[in-house]
Amino acid sequence: MPSGTYLKYLSLEWTADPVKKTEIVHQLVTSAPGFAPGWKELATLSKDDDKNLAAIEQGLAANPDRETDGILQINKALILNRKGNHEDAVRLLGELALDPKSTYATEHMAKASLANIAQR
């Protein structure tokens, strides 16, 4: 990874301006396309589910850490559900909730997301 990648990523936490945040995220994924957290951030910037899903797939292909992987997969499931693919969304969330390799946060976010989409 290029020098300064993680520092640039951390700077997102303190960047309130959405235009500046978008600029930083685009710099991240351009300069370090193998940095999965950059793709995770990109997947939250657009209101277009297809663009977000493409960013999620890029992030999953970048060999993410377990926490980033879980967040990407949960967001993927939520997009699948919005697009009408309820069964795949439930399956994916169920697998994350029961996977012993899931982080504590992933397990509980998956369970909460599963309960939320099951109520609809």
PDB file of N, CA and C in Angstrom:
ATOM      1  N   MET A   1       0.817  -1.183   0.000  1.00  0.00           N
ATOM      2  CA  MET A   1       0.000   0.000   0.000  1.00  0.00           C
ATOM      3  C   MET A   1       0.865   1.253   0.000  1.00  0.00           C
ATOM      4  N   PRO A   2       0.416   2.275  -0.674  1.00  0.00           N
ATOM      5  CA  PRO A   2       1.185   3.527  -0.665  1.00  0.00           C
ATOM      6  C   PRO A   2       1.285   4.119   0.744  1.00  0.00           C
ATOM      7  N   SER A   3       2.383   4.753   1.004  1.00  0.00           N
ATOM      8  CA  SER A   3       2.595   5.410   2.289  1.00  0.00           C
ATOM      9  C   SER A   3       1.486   6.425   2.546  1.00  0.00           C
ATOM     10  N   GLY A   4       0.977   6.441   3.761  1.00  0.00           N
ATOM     11  CA  GLY A   4      -0.056   7.392   4.143  1.00  0.00           C
ATOM     12  C   GLY A   4      -1.476   6.909   3.912  1.00  0.00           C
ATOM     13  N   THR A   5      -1.655   5.702   3.387  1.00  0.00           N
ATOM     14  CA  THR A   5      -3.002   5.199   3.086  1.00  0.00           C
ATOM     15  C   THR A   5      -3.859   5.125   4.346  1.00  0.00           C
ATOM     16  N   TYR A   6      -3.313   4.520   5.388  1.00  0.00           N
ATOM     17  CA  TYR A   6      -4.115   4.346   6.600  1.00  0.00           C
ATOM     18  C   TYR A   6      -4.396   5.692   7.260  1.00  0.00           C
ATOM     19  N   LEU A   7      -3.453   6.590   7.250  1.00  0.00           N
ATOM     20  CA  LEU A   7      -3.662   7.920   7.815  1.00  0.00           C
ATOM     21  C   LEU A   7      -4.774   8.650   7.060  1.00  0.00           C
ATOM     22  N   LYS A   8      -4.779   8.513   5.747  1.00  0.00           N
ATOM     23  CA  LYS A   8      -5.835   9.127   4.932  1.00  0.00           C
ATOM     24  C   LYS A   8      -7.187   8.508   5.294  1.00  0.00           C
ATOM     25  N   TYR A   9      -7.193   7.199   5.484  1.00  0.00           N
ATOM     26  CA  TYR A   9      -8.424   6.508   5.866  1.00  0.00           C
ATOM     27  C   TYR A   9      -8.921   7.015   7.223  1.00  0.00           C
ATOM     28  N   LEU A  10      -8.017   7.133   8.183  1.00  0.00           N
ATOM     29  CA  LEU A  10      -8.397   7.619   9.506  1.00  0.00           C
ATOM     30  C   LEU A  10      -8.916   9.051   9.464  1.00  0.00           C
ATOM     31  N   SER A  11      -8.425   9.847   8.530  1.00  0.00           N
ATOM     32  CA  SER A  11      -8.861  11.237   8.440  1.00  0.00           C
ATOM     33  C   SER A  11     -10.346  11.351   8.101  1.00  0.00           C
ATOM     34  N   LEU A  12     -10.923  10.287   7.546  1.00  0.00           N
ATOM     35  CA  LEU A  12     -12.348  10.314   7.212  1.00  0.00           C
ATOM     36  C   LEU A  12     -13.212  10.515   8.452  1.00  0.00           C
ATOM     37  N   GLU A  13     -12.737   9.997   9.579  1.00  0.00           N
ATOM     38  CA  GLU A  13     -13.504  10.101  10.820  1.00  0.00           C
ATOM     39  C   GLU A  13     -13.713  11.555  11.228  1.00  0.00           C
ATOM     40  N   TRP A  14     -12.766  12.420  10.901  1.00  0.00           N
ATOM     41  CA  TRP A  14     -12.839  13.818  11.302  1.00  0.00           C
ATOM     42  C   TRP A  14     -13.240  14.742  10.157  1.00  0.00           C
ATOM     43  N   THR A  15     -13.624  14.171   9.036  1.00  0.00           N
ATOM     44  CA  THR A  15     -14.020  14.988   7.888  1.00  0.00           C
ATOM     45  C   THR A  15     -15.537  15.107   7.860  1.00  0.00           C
ATOM     46  N   ALA A  16     -16.028  16.287   8.164  1.00  0.00           N
ATOM     47  CA  ALA A  16     -17.474  16.515   8.211  1.00  0.00           C
ATOM     48  C   ALA A  16     -18.051  16.895   6.848  1.00  0.00           C
ATOM     49  N   ASP A  17     -17.243  17.532   6.017  1.00  0.00           N
ATOM     50  CA  ASP A  17     -17.701  17.994   4.708  1.00  0.00           C
ATOM     51  C   ASP A  17     -17.879  16.801   3.772  1.00  0.00           C
ATOM     52  N   PRO A  18     -19.129  16.523   3.328  1.00  0.00           N
ATOM     53  CA  PRO A  18     -19.368  15.350   2.474  1.00  0.00           C
ATOM     54  C   PRO A  18     -18.601  15.381   1.146  1.00  0.00           C
ATOM     55  N   VAL A  19     -18.396  16.572   0.600  1.00  0.00           N
ATOM     56  CA  VAL A  19     -17.652  16.686  -0.664  1.00  0.00           C
ATOM     57  C   VAL A  19     -16.192  16.302  -0.431  1.00  0.00           C
ATOM     58  N   LYS A  20     -15.607  16.802   0.630  1.00  0.00           N
ATOM     59  CA  LYS A  20     -14.216  16.481   0.962  1.00  0.00           C
ATOM     60  C   LYS A  20     -14.079  14.994   1.281  1.00  0.00           C
ATOM     61  N   LYS A  21     -15.052  14.433   2.009  1.00  0.00           N
ATOM     62  CA  LYS A  21     -15.020  13.012   2.359  1.00  0.00           C
ATOM     63  C   LYS A  21     -15.060  12.154   1.084  1.00  0.00           C
ATOM     64  N   THR A  22     -15.928  12.517   0.166  1.00  0.00           N
ATOM     65  CA  THR A  22     -16.025  11.784  -1.101  1.00  0.00           C
ATOM     66  C   THR A  22     -14.706  11.858  -1.862  1.00  0.00           C
ATOM     67  N   GLU A  23     -14.100  13.024  -1.863  1.00  0.00           N
ATOM     68  CA  GLU A  23     -12.812  13.205  -2.536  1.00  0.00           C
ATOM     69  C   GLU A  23     -11.736  12.298  -1.917  1.00  0.00           C
ATOM     70  N   ILE A  24     -11.680  12.248  -0.606  1.00  0.00           N
ATOM     71  CA  ILE A  24     -10.690  11.404   0.080  1.00  0.00           C
ATOM     72  C   ILE A  24     -10.921   9.930  -0.235  1.00  0.00           C
ATOM     73  N   VAL A  25     -12.179   9.511  -0.208  1.00  0.00           N
ATOM     74  CA  VAL A  25     -12.489   8.105  -0.483  1.00  0.00           C
ATOM     75  C   VAL A  25     -12.096   7.736  -1.914  1.00  0.00           C
ATOM     76  N   HIS A  26     -12.385   8.613  -2.865  1.00  0.00           N
ATOM     77  CA  HIS A  26     -11.999   8.337  -4.252  1.00  0.00           C
ATOM     78  C   HIS A  26     -10.476   8.275  -4.400  1.00  0.00           C
ATOM     79  N   GLN A  27      -9.763   9.138  -3.676  1.00  0.00           N
ATOM     80  CA  GLN A  27      -8.295   9.057  -3.679  1.00  0.00           C
ATOM     81  C   GLN A  27      -7.822   7.728  -3.114  1.00  0.00           C
ATOM     82  N   LEU A  28      -8.477   7.267  -2.049  1.00  0.00           N
ATOM     83  CA  LEU A  28      -8.098   5.996  -1.424  1.00  0.00           C
ATOM     84  C   LEU A  28      -8.235   4.822  -2.388  1.00  0.00           C
ATOM     85  N   VAL A  29      -9.406   4.702  -3.013  1.00  0.00           N
ATOM     86  CA  VAL A  29      -9.632   3.537  -3.873  1.00  0.00           C
ATOM     87  C   VAL A  29      -8.826   3.620  -5.164  1.00  0.00           C
ATOM     88  N   THR A  30      -8.446   4.839  -5.564  1.00  0.00           N
ATOM     89  CA  THR A  30      -7.611   4.996  -6.758  1.00  0.00           C
ATOM     90  C   THR A  30      -6.156   4.665  -6.452  1.00  0.00           C
ATOM     91  N   SER A  31      -5.660   5.199  -5.339  1.00  0.00           N
ATOM     92  CA  SER A  31      -4.244   4.987  -5.012  1.00  0.00           C
ATOM     93  C   SER A  31      -3.972   3.632  -4.363  1.00  0.00           C
ATOM     94  N   ALA A  32      -4.984   3.057  -3.713  1.00  0.00           N
ATOM     95  CA  ALA A  32      -4.800   1.769  -3.024  1.00  0.00           C
ATOM     96  C   ALA A  32      -6.022   0.875  -3.265  1.00  0.00           C
ATOM     97  N   PRO A  33      -6.200   0.373  -4.498  1.00  0.00           N
ATOM     98  CA  PRO A  33      -7.389  -0.427  -4.804  1.00  0.00           C
ATOM     99  C   PRO A  33      -7.463  -1.739  -4.023  1.00  0.00           C
ATOM    100  N   GLY A  34      -6.369  -2.159  -3.423  1.00  0.00           N
ATOM    101  CA  GLY A  34      -6.372  -3.376  -2.610  1.00  0.00           C
ATOM    102  C   GLY A  34      -6.689  -3.116  -1.147  1.00  0.00           C
ATOM    103  N   PHE A  35      -7.023  -1.882  -0.797  1.00  0.00           N
ATOM    104  CA  PHE A  35      -7.345  -1.503   0.580  1.00  0.00           C
ATOM    105  C   PHE A  35      -8.860  -1.581   0.755  1.00  0.00           C
ATOM    106  N   ALA A  36      -9.334  -2.712   1.259  1.00  0.00           N
ATOM    107  CA  ALA A  36     -10.772  -2.983   1.363  1.00  0.00           C
ATOM    108  C   ALA A  36     -11.554  -1.933   2.151  1.00  0.00           C
ATOM    109  N   PRO A  37     -11.024  -1.375   3.252  1.00  0.00           N
ATOM    110  CA  PRO A  37     -11.801  -0.354   3.961  1.00  0.00           C
ATOM    111  C   PRO A  37     -12.148   0.866   3.102  1.00  0.00           C
ATOM    112  N   GLY A  38     -11.320   1.171   2.124  1.00  0.00           N
ATOM    113  CA  GLY A  38     -11.649   2.267   1.207  1.00  0.00           C
ATOM    114  C   GLY A  38     -12.905   1.957   0.414  1.00  0.00           C
ATOM    115  N   TRP A  39     -13.006   0.721  -0.061  1.00  0.00           N
ATOM    116  CA  TRP A  39     -14.197   0.306  -0.807  1.00  0.00           C
ATOM    117  C   TRP A  39     -15.428   0.281   0.094  1.00  0.00           C
ATOM    118  N   LYS A  40     -15.231  -0.124   1.353  1.00  0.00           N
ATOM    119  CA  LYS A  40     -16.340  -0.114   2.317  1.00  0.00           C
ATOM    120  C   LYS A  40     -16.894   1.304   2.453  1.00  0.00           C
ATOM    121  N   GLU A  41     -16.003   2.280   2.538  1.00  0.00           N
ATOM    122  CA  GLU A  41     -16.436   3.676   2.641  1.00  0.00           C
ATOM    123  C   GLU A  41     -17.119   4.137   1.357  1.00  0.00           C
ATOM    124  N   LEU A  42     -16.567   3.762   0.211  1.00  0.00           N
ATOM    125  CA  LEU A  42     -17.163   4.161  -1.063  1.00  0.00           C
ATOM    126  C   LEU A  42     -18.582   3.615  -1.197  1.00  0.00           C
ATOM    127  N   ALA A  43     -18.805   2.425  -0.668  1.00  0.00           N
ATOM    128  CA  ALA A  43     -20.117   1.777  -0.776  1.00  0.00           C
ATOM    129  C   ALA A  43     -21.203   2.483   0.034  1.00  0.00           C
ATOM    130  N   THR A  44     -20.836   3.469   0.817  1.00  0.00           N
ATOM    131  CA  THR A  44     -21.837   4.200   1.605  1.00  0.00           C
ATOM    132  C   THR A  44     -22.108   5.595   1.061  1.00  0.00           C
ATOM    133  N   LEU A  45     -21.395   5.984   0.024  1.00  0.00           N
ATOM    134  CA  LEU A  45     -21.490   7.368  -0.452  1.00  0.00           C
ATOM    135  C   LEU A  45     -22.620   7.627  -1.444  1.00  0.00           C
ATOM    136  N   SER A  46     -23.007   6.628  -2.181  1.00  0.00           N
ATOM    137  CA  SER A  46     -23.990   6.826  -3.240  1.00  0.00           C
ATOM    138  C   SER A  46     -25.377   6.378  -2.792  1.00  0.00           C
ATOM    139  N   LYS A  47     -26.386   6.951  -3.396  1.00  0.00           N
ATOM    140  CA  LYS A  47     -27.751   6.490  -3.169  1.00  0.00           C
ATOM    141  C   LYS A  47     -28.133   5.426  -4.200  1.00  0.00           C
ATOM    142  N   ASP A  48     -27.207   5.121  -5.089  1.00  0.00           N
ATOM    143  CA  ASP A  48     -27.425   4.138  -6.150  1.00  0.00           C
ATOM    144  C   ASP A  48     -26.960   2.762  -5.669  1.00  0.00           C
ATOM    145  N   ASP A  49     -27.906   1.860  -5.454  1.00  0.00           N
ATOM    146  CA  ASP A  49     -27.569   0.529  -4.946  1.00  0.00           C
ATOM    147  C   ASP A  49     -26.630  -0.238  -5.867  1.00  0.00           C
ATOM    148  N   ASP A  50     -26.754  -0.050  -7.177  1.00  0.00           N
ATOM    149  CA  ASP A  50     -25.868  -0.763  -8.101  1.00  0.00           C
ATOM    150  C   ASP A  50     -24.422  -0.297  -7.937  1.00  0.00           C
ATOM    151  N   LYS A  51     -24.217   0.998  -7.767  1.00  0.00           N
ATOM    152  CA  LYS A  51     -22.863   1.514  -7.548  1.00  0.00           C
ATOM    153  C   LYS A  51     -22.316   1.019  -6.208  1.00  0.00           C
ATOM    154  N   ASN A  52     -23.166   1.035  -5.192  1.00  0.00           N
ATOM    155  CA  ASN A  52     -22.731   0.561  -3.880  1.00  0.00           C
ATOM    156  C   ASN A  52     -22.400  -0.921  -3.909  1.00  0.00           C
ATOM    157  N   LEU A  53     -23.206  -1.695  -4.605  1.00  0.00           N
ATOM    158  CA  LEU A  53     -22.949  -3.131  -4.721  1.00  0.00           C
ATOM    159  C   LEU A  53     -21.636  -3.391  -5.447  1.00  0.00           C
ATOM    160  N   ALA A  54     -21.342  -2.610  -6.471  1.00  0.00           N
ATOM    161  CA  ALA A  54     -20.067  -2.755  -7.194  1.00  0.00           C
ATOM    162  C   ALA A  54     -18.891  -2.442  -6.268  1.00  0.00           C
ATOM    163  N   ALA A  55     -19.024  -1.407  -5.444  1.00  0.00           N
ATOM    164  CA  ALA A  55     -17.958  -1.070  -4.493  1.00  0.00           C
ATOM    165  C   ALA A  55     -17.806  -2.174  -3.451  1.00  0.00           C
ATOM    166  N   ILE A  56     -18.911  -2.738  -3.010  1.00  0.00           N
ATOM    167  CA  ILE A  56     -18.862  -3.844  -2.044  1.00  0.00           C
ATOM    168  C   ILE A  56     -18.120  -5.031  -2.645  1.00  0.00           C
ATOM    169  N   GLU A  57     -18.419  -5.361  -3.874  1.00  0.00           N
ATOM    170  CA  GLU A  57     -17.742  -6.499  -4.526  1.00  0.00           C
ATOM    171  C   GLU A  57     -16.239  -6.229  -4.659  1.00  0.00           C
ATOM    172  N   GLN A  58     -15.871  -4.987  -4.962  1.00  0.00           N
ATOM    173  CA  GLN A  58     -14.447  -4.631  -5.035  1.00  0.00           C
ATOM    174  C   GLN A  58     -13.791  -4.817  -3.663  1.00  0.00           C
ATOM    175  N   GLY A  59     -14.494  -4.383  -2.623  1.00  0.00           N
ATOM    176  CA  GLY A  59     -13.975  -4.534  -1.265  1.00  0.00           C
ATOM    177  C   GLY A  59     -13.824  -5.988  -0.864  1.00  0.00           C
ATOM    178  N   LEU A  60     -14.797  -6.815  -1.209  1.00  0.00           N
ATOM    179  CA  LEU A  60     -14.720  -8.240  -0.882  1.00  0.00           C
ATOM    180  C   LEU A  60     -13.586  -8.925  -1.654  1.00  0.00           C
ATOM    181  N   ALA A  61     -13.324  -8.451  -2.857  1.00  0.00           N
ATOM    182  CA  ALA A  61     -12.246  -9.024  -3.668  1.00  0.00           C
ATOM    183  C   ALA A  61     -10.863  -8.588  -3.176  1.00  0.00           C
ATOM    184  N   ALA A  62     -10.815  -7.568  -2.312  1.00  0.00           N
ATOM    185  CA  ALA A  62      -9.537  -7.021  -1.837  1.00  0.00           C
ATOM    186  C   ALA A  62      -9.037  -7.693  -0.555  1.00  0.00           C
ATOM    187  N   ASN A  63      -9.545  -8.887  -0.271  1.00  0.00           N
ATOM    188  CA  ASN A  63      -9.100  -9.652   0.899  1.00  0.00           C
ATOM    189  C   ASN A  63      -9.226  -8.838   2.192  1.00  0.00           C
ATOM    190  N   PRO A  64     -10.461  -8.453   2.550  1.00  0.00           N
ATOM    191  CA  PRO A  64     -10.655  -7.595   3.720  1.00  0.00           C
ATOM    192  C   PRO A  64     -10.395  -8.326   5.038  1.00  0.00           C
ATOM    193  N   ASP A  65     -10.107  -7.540   6.079  1.00  0.00           N
ATOM    194  CA  ASP A  65     -10.039  -8.103   7.427  1.00  0.00           C
ATOM    195  C   ASP A  65     -11.446  -8.571   7.805  1.00  0.00           C
ATOM    196  N   ARG A  66     -11.554  -9.348   8.877  1.00  0.00           N
ATOM    197  CA  ARG A  66     -12.850  -9.952   9.230  1.00  0.00           C
ATOM    198  C   ARG A  66     -13.933  -8.908   9.525  1.00  0.00           C
ATOM    199  N   GLU A  67     -13.578  -7.825  10.179  1.00  0.00           N
ATOM    200  CA  GLU A  67     -14.566  -6.795  10.511  1.00  0.00           C
ATOM    201  C   GLU A  67     -15.075  -6.101   9.241  1.00  0.00           C
ATOM    202  N   THR A  68     -14.164  -5.714   8.367  1.00  0.00           N
ATOM    203  CA  THR A  68     -14.548  -5.065   7.108  1.00  0.00           C
ATOM    204  C   THR A  68     -15.356  -6.025   6.245  1.00  0.00           C
ATOM    205  N   ASP A  69     -14.940  -7.284   6.193  1.00  0.00           N
ATOM    206  CA  ASP A  69     -15.668  -8.294   5.437  1.00  0.00           C
ATOM    207  C   ASP A  69     -17.112  -8.402   5.933  1.00  0.00           C
ATOM    208  N   GLY A  70     -17.281  -8.441   7.243  1.00  0.00           N
ATOM    209  CA  GLY A  70     -18.624  -8.543   7.801  1.00  0.00           C
ATOM    210  C   GLY A  70     -19.496  -7.356   7.437  1.00  0.00           C
ATOM    211  N   ILE A  71     -18.948  -6.154   7.544  1.00  0.00           N
ATOM    212  CA  ILE A  71     -19.713  -4.952   7.218  1.00  0.00           C
ATOM    213  C   ILE A  71     -20.077  -4.936   5.737  1.00  0.00           C
ATOM    214  N   LEU A  72     -19.122  -5.299   4.894  1.00  0.00           N
ATOM    215  CA  LEU A  72     -19.401  -5.347   3.460  1.00  0.00           C
ATOM    216  C   LEU A  72     -20.514  -6.353   3.152  1.00  0.00           C
ATOM    217  N   GLN A  73     -20.442  -7.528   3.765  1.00  0.00           N
ATOM    218  CA  GLN A  73     -21.446  -8.561   3.489  1.00  0.00           C
ATOM    219  C   GLN A  73     -22.817  -8.186   4.035  1.00  0.00           C
ATOM    220  N   ILE A  74     -22.858  -7.549   5.211  1.00  0.00           N
ATOM    221  CA  ILE A  74     -24.149  -7.097   5.748  1.00  0.00           C
ATOM    222  C   ILE A  74     -24.756  -6.057   4.813  1.00  0.00           C
ATOM    223  N   ASN A  75     -23.951  -5.098   4.370  1.00  0.00           N
ATOM    224  CA  ASN A  75     -24.461  -4.093   3.444  1.00  0.00           C
ATOM    225  C   ASN A  75     -24.897  -4.712   2.127  1.00  0.00           C
ATOM    226  N   LYS A  76     -24.183  -5.731   1.681  1.00  0.00           N
ATOM    227  CA  LYS A  76     -24.584  -6.442   0.469  1.00  0.00           C
ATOM    228  C   LYS A  76     -25.954  -7.089   0.669  1.00  0.00           C
ATOM    229  N   ALA A  77     -26.147  -7.729   1.812  1.00  0.00           N
ATOM    230  CA  ALA A  77     -27.432  -8.375   2.093  1.00  0.00           C
ATOM    231  C   ALA A  77     -28.567  -7.353   2.124  1.00  0.00           C
ATOM    232  N   LEU A  78     -28.319  -6.199   2.712  1.00  0.00           N
ATOM    233  CA  LEU A  78     -29.358  -5.175   2.781  1.00  0.00           C
ATOM    234  C   LEU A  78     -29.721  -4.642   1.396  1.00  0.00           C
ATOM    235  N   ILE A  79     -28.715  -4.501   0.541  1.00  0.00           N
ATOM    236  CA  ILE A  79     -28.991  -4.079  -0.836  1.00  0.00           C
ATOM    237  C   ILE A  79     -29.766  -5.167  -1.578  1.00  0.00           C
ATOM    238  N   LEU A  80     -29.344  -6.417  -1.417  1.00  0.00           N
ATOM    239  CA  LEU A  80     -30.070  -7.517  -2.058  1.00  0.00           C
ATOM    240  C   LEU A  80     -31.530  -7.519  -1.631  1.00  0.00           C
ATOM    241  N   ASN A  81     -31.773  -7.296  -0.361  1.00  0.00           N
ATOM    242  CA  ASN A  81     -33.147  -7.264   0.131  1.00  0.00           C
ATOM    243  C   ASN A  81     -33.931  -6.112  -0.498  1.00  0.00           C
ATOM    244  N   ARG A  82     -33.320  -4.933  -0.575  1.00  0.00           N
ATOM    245  CA  ARG A  82     -34.002  -3.784  -1.198  1.00  0.00           C
ATOM    246  C   ARG A  82     -34.321  -4.051  -2.659  1.00  0.00           C
ATOM    247  N   LYS A  83     -33.465  -4.833  -3.310  1.00  0.00           N
ATOM    248  CA  LYS A  83     -33.662  -5.123  -4.731  1.00  0.00           C
ATOM    249  C   LYS A  83     -34.649  -6.285  -4.939  1.00  0.00           C
ATOM    250  N   GLY A  84     -35.233  -6.797  -3.847  1.00  0.00           N
ATOM    251  CA  GLY A  84     -36.230  -7.854  -3.953  1.00  0.00           C
ATOM    252  C   GLY A  84     -35.691  -9.260  -3.814  1.00  0.00           C
ATOM    253  N   ASN A  85     -34.421  -9.396  -3.526  1.00  0.00           N
ATOM    254  CA  ASN A  85     -33.816 -10.720  -3.382  1.00  0.00           C
ATOM    255  C   ASN A  85     -33.762 -11.087  -1.896  1.00  0.00           C
ATOM    256  N   HIS A  86     -34.946 -11.208  -1.300  1.00  0.00           N
ATOM    257  CA  HIS A  86     -35.099 -11.423   0.137  1.00  0.00           C
ATOM    258  C   HIS A  86     -34.447 -12.731   0.606  1.00  0.00           C
ATOM    259  N   GLU A  87     -34.631 -13.802  -0.152  1.00  0.00           N
ATOM    260  CA  GLU A  87     -34.091 -15.106   0.263  1.00  0.00           C
ATOM    261  C   GLU A  87     -32.569 -15.086   0.370  1.00  0.00           C
ATOM    262  N   ASP A  88     -31.889 -14.512  -0.613  1.00  0.00           N
ATOM    263  CA  ASP A  88     -30.432 -14.449  -0.557  1.00  0.00           C
ATOM    264  C   ASP A  88     -29.963 -13.542   0.579  1.00  0.00           C
ATOM    265  N   ALA A  89     -30.701 -12.472   0.823  1.00  0.00           N
ATOM    266  CA  ALA A  89     -30.349 -11.565   1.919  1.00  0.00           C
ATOM    267  C   ALA A  89     -30.457 -12.288   3.259  1.00  0.00           C
ATOM    268  N   VAL A  90     -31.541 -13.001   3.464  1.00  0.00           N
ATOM    269  CA  VAL A  90     -31.739 -13.748   4.711  1.00  0.00           C
ATOM    270  C   VAL A  90     -30.672 -14.826   4.864  1.00  0.00           C
ATOM    271  N   ARG A  91     -30.366 -15.523   3.781  1.00  0.00           N
ATOM    272  CA  ARG A  91     -29.341 -16.562   3.829  1.00  0.00           C
ATOM    273  C   ARG A  91     -27.987 -15.981   4.217  1.00  0.00           C
ATOM    274  N   LEU A  92     -27.611 -14.890   3.569  1.00  0.00           N
ATOM    275  CA  LEU A  92     -26.314 -14.270   3.842  1.00  0.00           C
ATOM    276  C   LEU A  92     -26.229 -13.773   5.283  1.00  0.00           C
ATOM    277  N   LEU A  93     -27.261 -13.106   5.756  1.00  0.00           N
ATOM    278  CA  LEU A  93     -27.262 -12.610   7.136  1.00  0.00           C
ATOM    279  C   LEU A  93     -27.254 -13.762   8.136  1.00  0.00           C
ATOM    280  N   GLY A  94     -28.002 -14.816   7.834  1.00  0.00           N
ATOM    281  CA  GLY A  94     -28.021 -15.986   8.714  1.00  0.00           C
ATOM    282  C   GLY A  94     -26.657 -16.644   8.803  1.00  0.00           C
ATOM    283  N   GLU A  95     -25.980 -16.759   7.662  1.00  0.00           N
ATOM    284  CA  GLU A  95     -24.643 -17.345   7.664  1.00  0.00           C
ATOM    285  C   GLU A  95     -23.674 -16.509   8.492  1.00  0.00           C
ATOM    286  N   LEU A  96     -23.752 -15.184   8.345  1.00  0.00           N
ATOM    287  CA  LEU A  96     -22.870 -14.305   9.121  1.00  0.00           C
ATOM    288  C   LEU A  96     -23.171 -14.403  10.615  1.00  0.00           C
ATOM    289  N   ALA A  97     -24.447 -14.470  10.961  1.00  0.00           N
ATOM    290  CA  ALA A  97     -24.840 -14.529  12.367  1.00  0.00           C
ATOM    291  C   ALA A  97     -24.374 -15.824  13.035  1.00  0.00           C
ATOM    292  N   LEU A  98     -24.293 -16.901  12.271  1.00  0.00           N
ATOM    293  CA  LEU A  98     -23.944 -18.200  12.845  1.00  0.00           C
ATOM    294  C   LEU A  98     -22.500 -18.620  12.616  1.00  0.00           C
ATOM    295  N   ASP A  99     -21.784 -17.891  11.797  1.00  0.00           N
ATOM    296  CA  ASP A  99     -20.405 -18.251  11.475  1.00  0.00           C
ATOM    297  C   ASP A  99     -19.503 -18.005  12.685  1.00  0.00           C
ATOM    298  N   PRO A 100     -18.838 -19.056  13.184  1.00  0.00           N
ATOM    299  CA  PRO A 100     -17.955 -18.859  14.335  1.00  0.00           C
ATOM    300  C   PRO A 100     -16.763 -17.948  14.028  1.00  0.00           C
ATOM    301  N   LYS A 101     -16.482 -17.724  12.749  1.00  0.00           N
ATOM    302  CA  LYS A 101     -15.388 -16.837  12.363  1.00  0.00           C
ATOM    303  C   LYS A 101     -15.816 -15.370  12.314  1.00  0.00           C
ATOM    304  N   SER A 102     -17.117 -15.113  12.390  1.00  0.00           N
ATOM    305  CA  SER A 102     -17.597 -13.729  12.382  1.00  0.00           C
ATOM    306  C   SER A 102     -17.141 -13.032  13.657  1.00  0.00           C
ATOM    307  N   THR A 103     -16.840 -11.749  13.525  1.00  0.00           N
ATOM    308  CA  THR A 103     -16.507 -10.979  14.720  1.00  0.00           C
ATOM    309  C   THR A 103     -17.775 -10.793  15.550  1.00  0.00           C
ATOM    310  N   TYR A 104     -17.577 -10.407  16.784  1.00  0.00           N
ATOM    311  CA  TYR A 104     -18.711 -10.147  17.677  1.00  0.00           C
ATOM    312  C   TYR A 104     -19.640  -9.106  17.055  1.00  0.00           C
ATOM    313  N   ALA A 105     -19.060  -8.018  16.553  1.00  0.00           N
ATOM    314  CA  ALA A 105     -19.863  -6.949  15.955  1.00  0.00           C
ATOM    315  C   ALA A 105     -20.611  -7.447  14.726  1.00  0.00           C
ATOM    316  N   THR A 106     -19.943  -8.218  13.873  1.00  0.00           N
ATOM    317  CA  THR A 106     -20.597  -8.745  12.670  1.00  0.00           C
ATOM    318  C   THR A 106     -21.763  -9.646  13.047  1.00  0.00           C
ATOM    319  N   GLU A 107     -21.526 -10.530  13.993  1.00  0.00           N
ATOM    320  CA  GLU A 107     -22.581 -11.450  14.430  1.00  0.00           C
ATOM    321  C   GLU A 107     -23.818 -10.686  14.890  1.00  0.00           C
ATOM    322  N   HIS A 108     -23.619  -9.680  15.712  1.00  0.00           N
ATOM    323  CA  HIS A 108     -24.760  -8.953  16.268  1.00  0.00           C
ATOM    324  C   HIS A 108     -25.399  -8.008  15.260  1.00  0.00           C
ATOM    325  N   MET A 109     -24.611  -7.398  14.392  1.00  0.00           N
ATOM    326  CA  MET A 109     -25.200  -6.562  13.335  1.00  0.00           C
ATOM    327  C   MET A 109     -25.998  -7.420  12.363  1.00  0.00           C
ATOM    328  N   ALA A 110     -25.497  -8.615  12.058  1.00  0.00           N
ATOM    329  CA  ALA A 110     -26.212  -9.519  11.155  1.00  0.00           C
ATOM    330  C   ALA A 110     -27.537  -9.943  11.781  1.00  0.00           C
ATOM    331  N   LYS A 111     -27.535 -10.259  13.081  1.00  0.00           N
ATOM    332  CA  LYS A 111     -28.771 -10.651  13.763  1.00  0.00           C
ATOM    333  C   LYS A 111     -29.775  -9.499  13.781  1.00  0.00           C
ATOM    334  N   ALA A 112     -29.298  -8.292  14.072  1.00  0.00           N
ATOM    335  CA  ALA A 112     -30.188  -7.125  14.098  1.00  0.00           C
ATOM    336  C   ALA A 112     -30.749  -6.840  12.707  1.00  0.00           C
ATOM    337  N   SER A 113     -29.901  -6.951  11.695  1.00  0.00           N
ATOM    338  CA  SER A 113     -30.358  -6.718  10.317  1.00  0.00           C
ATOM    339  C   SER A 113     -31.356  -7.781   9.894  1.00  0.00           C
ATOM    340  N   LEU A 114     -31.096  -9.011  10.287  1.00  0.00           N
ATOM    341  CA  LEU A 114     -31.996 -10.112   9.962  1.00  0.00           C
ATOM    342  C   LEU A 114     -33.364  -9.893  10.627  1.00  0.00           C
ATOM    343  N   ALA A 115     -33.359  -9.489  11.889  1.00  0.00           N
ATOM    344  CA  ALA A 115     -34.622  -9.217  12.584  1.00  0.00           C
ATOM    345  C   ALA A 115     -35.361  -8.057  11.913  1.00  0.00           C
ATOM    346  N   ASN A 116     -34.614  -7.063  11.476  1.00  0.00           N
ATOM    347  CA  ASN A 116     -35.220  -5.892  10.831  1.00  0.00           C
ATOM    348  C   ASN A 116     -35.874  -6.260   9.507  1.00  0.00           C
ATOM    349  N   ILE A 117     -35.204  -7.032   8.678  1.00  0.00           N
ATOM    350  CA  ILE A 117     -35.810  -7.356   7.374  1.00  0.00           C
ATOM    351  C   ILE A 117     -36.887  -8.434   7.514  1.00  0.00           C
ATOM    352  N   ALA A 118     -36.836  -9.229   8.577  1.00  0.00           N
ATOM    353  CA  ALA A 118     -37.870 -10.245   8.786  1.00  0.00           C
ATOM    354  C   ALA A 118     -39.191  -9.613   9.189  1.00  0.00           C
ATOM    355  N   GLN A 119     -39.144  -8.434   9.790  1.00  0.00           N
ATOM    356  CA  GLN A 119     -40.358  -7.744  10.226  1.00  0.00           C
ATOM    357  C   GLN A 119     -41.105  -7.108   9.070  1.00  0.00           C
ATOM    358  N   ARG A 120     -40.469  -6.959   7.948  1.00  0.00           N
ATOM    359  CA  ARG A 120     -41.104  -6.263   6.809  1.00  0.00           C
ATOM    360  C   ARG A 120     -41.871  -7.191   5.937  1.00  0.00           C
TER     361      ARG A 120
END
